[in-house]
């Protein structure tokens, strides 16, 4: 469940045409954004949200739903746990190969591209001691 705040990252994503286009046109980008939404908190780069320490976050399931809704296809299950590799196998080498081939990242990881795009939207990632940035 996500927090109900005045500033809503999901709404900003949905209203930004160039982000919507990237999510719809590029599976890798869509998965990387899904992964970034998981296990992270985001804060609007404005005075009041910063002073009030307001953050936006969502569950893995909700993050998957955000991506599916923007792509206008499927549902949250199409993205849920996509950062865990080739789910059909427990072979570590095969998992590594799958993730590399797809350019997918684990849940919680934030790629440079995603971080830069969210920053352009006016959002910062609130990170902690266990940052998982790529």
C-alpha atoms as a PDB file:
ATOM      1  CA  UNK A   1       0.000   0.000   0.000  1.00  0.00           C
ATOM      2  CA  UNK A   2       1.305   3.442  -0.791  1.00  0.00           C
ATOM      3  CA  UNK A   3       1.085   6.556   1.325  1.00  0.00           C
ATOM      4  CA  UNK A   4      -1.621   9.137   0.575  1.00  0.00           C
ATOM      5  CA  UNK A   5       0.258  12.395   0.071  1.00  0.00           C
ATOM      6  CA  UNK A   6      -0.293  15.713  -1.633  1.00  0.00           C
ATOM      7  CA  UNK A   7       2.563  14.838  -4.008  1.00  0.00           C
ATOM      8  CA  UNK A   8       2.177  11.547  -5.824  1.00  0.00           C
ATOM      9  CA  UNK A   9       4.980  10.017  -7.888  1.00  0.00           C
ATOM     10  CA  UNK A  10       2.576   7.723  -9.719  1.00  0.00           C
ATOM     11  CA  UNK A  11       0.506  10.699 -10.893  1.00  0.00           C
ATOM     12  CA  UNK A  12       3.633  12.525 -12.045  1.00  0.00           C
ATOM     13  CA  UNK A  13       4.741   9.460 -14.013  1.00  0.00           C
ATOM     14  CA  UNK A  14       1.323   9.091 -15.655  1.00  0.00           C
ATOM     15  CA  UNK A  15       1.206  12.779 -16.640  1.00  0.00           C
ATOM     16  CA  UNK A  16       4.686  12.882 -18.187  1.00  0.00           C
ATOM     17  CA  UNK A  17       4.513  11.911 -21.856  1.00  0.00           C
ATOM     18  CA  UNK A  18       8.216  11.192 -22.354  1.00  0.00           C
ATOM     19  CA  UNK A  19       8.291   8.869 -19.320  1.00  0.00           C
ATOM     20  CA  UNK A  20       5.119   7.102 -20.481  1.00  0.00           C
ATOM     21  CA  UNK A  21       6.682   6.622 -23.921  1.00  0.00           C
ATOM     22  CA  UNK A  22       9.873   5.154 -22.438  1.00  0.00           C
ATOM     23  CA  UNK A  23       7.883   2.744 -20.251  1.00  0.00           C
ATOM     24  CA  UNK A  24       5.694   1.623 -23.150  1.00  0.00           C
ATOM     25  CA  UNK A  25       8.495   1.320 -25.703  1.00  0.00           C
ATOM     26  CA  UNK A  26      11.237  -0.351 -23.676  1.00  0.00           C
ATOM     27  CA  UNK A  27      10.792  -3.481 -21.524  1.00  0.00           C
ATOM     28  CA  UNK A  28      14.189  -2.899 -19.920  1.00  0.00           C
ATOM     29  CA  UNK A  29      13.276   0.642 -18.893  1.00  0.00           C
ATOM     30  CA  UNK A  30       9.884  -0.492 -17.582  1.00  0.00           C
ATOM     31  CA  UNK A  31      11.498  -3.224 -15.472  1.00  0.00           C
ATOM     32  CA  UNK A  32      14.227  -0.889 -14.224  1.00  0.00           C
ATOM     33  CA  UNK A  33      11.602   1.653 -13.105  1.00  0.00           C
ATOM     34  CA  UNK A  34       9.568  -1.126 -11.440  1.00  0.00           C
ATOM     35  CA  UNK A  35      12.711  -2.249  -9.585  1.00  0.00           C
ATOM     36  CA  UNK A  36      13.490   1.320  -8.468  1.00  0.00           C
ATOM     37  CA  UNK A  37       9.963   1.763  -7.100  1.00  0.00           C
ATOM     38  CA  UNK A  38      10.446  -1.316  -4.911  1.00  0.00           C
ATOM     39  CA  UNK A  39      12.086  -0.968  -1.465  1.00  0.00           C
ATOM     40  CA  UNK A  40      12.717   2.750  -1.910  1.00  0.00           C
ATOM     41  CA  UNK A  41      11.174   5.989  -0.773  1.00  0.00           C
ATOM     42  CA  UNK A  42      10.868   9.089  -2.916  1.00  0.00           C
ATOM     43  CA  UNK A  43      10.560  12.712  -1.986  1.00  0.00           C
ATOM     44  CA  UNK A  44       9.341  15.624  -4.083  1.00  0.00           C
ATOM     45  CA  UNK A  45      12.122  18.178  -4.561  1.00  0.00           C
ATOM     46  CA  UNK A  46      10.119  21.017  -3.060  1.00  0.00           C
ATOM     47  CA  UNK A  47      10.435  22.903   0.204  1.00  0.00           C
ATOM     48  CA  UNK A  48       7.323  21.652   2.048  1.00  0.00           C
ATOM     49  CA  UNK A  49       7.691  17.934   1.358  1.00  0.00           C
ATOM     50  CA  UNK A  50      11.342  18.168   2.423  1.00  0.00           C
ATOM     51  CA  UNK A  51      10.589  20.145   5.599  1.00  0.00           C
ATOM     52  CA  UNK A  52       7.681  17.855   6.483  1.00  0.00           C
ATOM     53  CA  UNK A  53       9.808  14.805   5.598  1.00  0.00           C
ATOM     54  CA  UNK A  54       7.037  13.487   3.337  1.00  0.00           C
ATOM     55  CA  UNK A  55       7.962  10.476   1.269  1.00  0.00           C
ATOM     56  CA  UNK A  56       6.150   8.393  -1.336  1.00  0.00           C
ATOM     57  CA  UNK A  57       6.580   4.630  -1.432  1.00  0.00           C
ATOM     58  CA  UNK A  58       4.710   1.572  -2.633  1.00  0.00           C
ATOM     59  CA  UNK A  59       4.724  -2.205  -2.387  1.00  0.00           C
ATOM     60  CA  UNK A  60       6.261  -4.472  -5.031  1.00  0.00           C
ATOM     61  CA  UNK A  61       2.745  -5.447  -6.107  1.00  0.00           C
ATOM     62  CA  UNK A  62       1.692  -1.817  -6.422  1.00  0.00           C
ATOM     63  CA  UNK A  63       4.871  -0.979  -8.366  1.00  0.00           C
ATOM     64  CA  UNK A  64       4.075  -3.773 -10.823  1.00  0.00           C
ATOM     65  CA  UNK A  65       0.574  -2.366 -11.204  1.00  0.00           C
ATOM     66  CA  UNK A  66       1.916   1.116 -11.916  1.00  0.00           C
ATOM     67  CA  UNK A  67       4.018  -0.223 -14.787  1.00  0.00           C
ATOM     68  CA  UNK A  68       1.195  -2.412 -16.168  1.00  0.00           C
ATOM     69  CA  UNK A  69      -1.240   0.524 -16.004  1.00  0.00           C
ATOM     70  CA  UNK A  70       1.131   2.861 -17.816  1.00  0.00           C
ATOM     71  CA  UNK A  71       1.804   0.237 -20.484  1.00  0.00           C
ATOM     72  CA  UNK A  72      -1.949  -0.405 -20.732  1.00  0.00           C
ATOM     73  CA  UNK A  73      -1.383  -4.134 -20.835  1.00  0.00           C
ATOM     74  CA  UNK A  74      -1.338  -7.010 -18.403  1.00  0.00           C
ATOM     75  CA  UNK A  75      -1.359  -6.571 -14.668  1.00  0.00           C
ATOM     76  CA  UNK A  76       1.049  -6.310 -11.749  1.00  0.00           C
ATOM     77  CA  UNK A  77       2.082  -9.968 -12.099  1.00  0.00           C
ATOM     78  CA  UNK A  78       3.814  -9.190 -15.403  1.00  0.00           C
ATOM     79  CA  UNK A  79       6.419  -7.186 -13.453  1.00  0.00           C
ATOM     80  CA  UNK A  80       6.176  -8.493  -9.872  1.00  0.00           C
ATOM     81  CA  UNK A  81       9.469 -10.181  -8.871  1.00  0.00           C
ATOM     82  CA  UNK A  82      10.949  -9.524 -12.331  1.00  0.00           C
ATOM     83  CA  UNK A  83      14.189  -8.502 -10.642  1.00  0.00           C
ATOM     84  CA  UNK A  84      14.659 -11.995  -9.293  1.00  0.00           C
ATOM     85  CA  UNK A  85      15.863 -13.362 -12.615  1.00  0.00           C
ATOM     86  CA  UNK A  86      14.587 -16.294 -14.627  1.00  0.00           C
ATOM     87  CA  UNK A  87      12.042 -17.471 -12.098  1.00  0.00           C
ATOM     88  CA  UNK A  88      11.833 -20.887 -13.732  1.00  0.00           C
ATOM     89  CA  UNK A  89      15.313 -21.800 -12.560  1.00  0.00           C
ATOM     90  CA  UNK A  90      17.291 -21.859  -9.357  1.00  0.00           C
ATOM     91  CA  UNK A  91      20.576 -22.114 -11.225  1.00  0.00           C
ATOM     92  CA  UNK A  92      22.643 -19.040 -10.240  1.00  0.00           C
ATOM     93  CA  UNK A  93      24.581 -18.939 -13.506  1.00  0.00           C
ATOM     94  CA  UNK A  94      21.421 -19.216 -15.593  1.00  0.00           C
ATOM     95  CA  UNK A  95      19.812 -16.454 -13.507  1.00  0.00           C
ATOM     96  CA  UNK A  96      22.828 -14.197 -14.039  1.00  0.00           C
ATOM     97  CA  UNK A  97      22.682 -14.852 -17.789  1.00  0.00           C
ATOM     98  CA  UNK A  98      18.962 -14.075 -17.939  1.00  0.00           C
ATOM     99  CA  UNK A  99      19.327 -10.811 -15.995  1.00  0.00           C
ATOM    100  CA  UNK A 100      22.274  -9.731 -18.123  1.00  0.00           C
ATOM    101  CA  UNK A 101      20.526 -10.564 -21.394  1.00  0.00           C
ATOM    102  CA  UNK A 102      17.368  -8.685 -20.387  1.00  0.00           C
ATOM    103  CA  UNK A 103      19.236  -5.812 -18.695  1.00  0.00           C
ATOM    104  CA  UNK A 104      16.948  -6.262 -15.702  1.00  0.00           C
ATOM    105  CA  UNK A 105      17.970  -5.245 -12.188  1.00  0.00           C
ATOM    106  CA  UNK A 106      16.953  -6.530  -8.747  1.00  0.00           C
ATOM    107  CA  UNK A 107      14.110  -4.971  -6.788  1.00  0.00           C
ATOM    108  CA  UNK A 108      15.367  -1.905  -4.957  1.00  0.00           C
ATOM    109  CA  UNK A 109      18.177  -1.214  -7.431  1.00  0.00           C
ATOM    110  CA  UNK A 110      18.196   2.213  -9.050  1.00  0.00           C
ATOM    111  CA  UNK A 111      19.930   2.650 -12.379  1.00  0.00           C
ATOM    112  CA  UNK A 112      21.602   5.915 -13.286  1.00  0.00           C
ATOM    113  CA  UNK A 113      19.035   6.501 -16.057  1.00  0.00           C
ATOM    114  CA  UNK A 114      16.061   6.024 -13.713  1.00  0.00           C
ATOM    115  CA  UNK A 115      17.614   8.258 -11.062  1.00  0.00           C
ATOM    116  CA  UNK A 116      18.240  11.006 -13.632  1.00  0.00           C
ATOM    117  CA  UNK A 117      14.736  10.738 -15.098  1.00  0.00           C
ATOM    118  CA  UNK A 118      13.069  10.899 -11.675  1.00  0.00           C
ATOM    119  CA  UNK A 119      15.231  13.905 -10.831  1.00  0.00           C
ATOM    120  CA  UNK A 120      14.009  15.616 -14.047  1.00  0.00           C
ATOM    121  CA  UNK A 121      10.449  14.986 -12.789  1.00  0.00           C
ATOM    122  CA  UNK A 122      11.325  16.724  -9.528  1.00  0.00           C
ATOM    123  CA  UNK A 123      11.704  13.607  -7.363  1.00  0.00           C
ATOM    124  CA  UNK A 124      14.648  12.380  -5.320  1.00  0.00           C
ATOM    125  CA  UNK A 125      15.256   8.897  -4.024  1.00  0.00           C
ATOM    126  CA  UNK A 126      15.528   8.851  -0.260  1.00  0.00           C
ATOM    127  CA  UNK A 127      18.263   6.316   0.342  1.00  0.00           C
ATOM    128  CA  UNK A 128      19.455   4.541   3.419  1.00  0.00           C
ATOM    129  CA  UNK A 129      22.559   2.731   4.579  1.00  0.00           C
ATOM    130  CA  UNK A 130      21.910  -0.260   2.293  1.00  0.00           C
ATOM    131  CA  UNK A 131      21.747   1.629  -1.012  1.00  0.00           C
ATOM    132  CA  UNK A 132      21.495  -0.626  -4.023  1.00  0.00           C
ATOM    133  CA  UNK A 133      22.228   1.823  -6.805  1.00  0.00           C
ATOM    134  CA  UNK A 134      23.560   0.657 -10.167  1.00  0.00           C
END
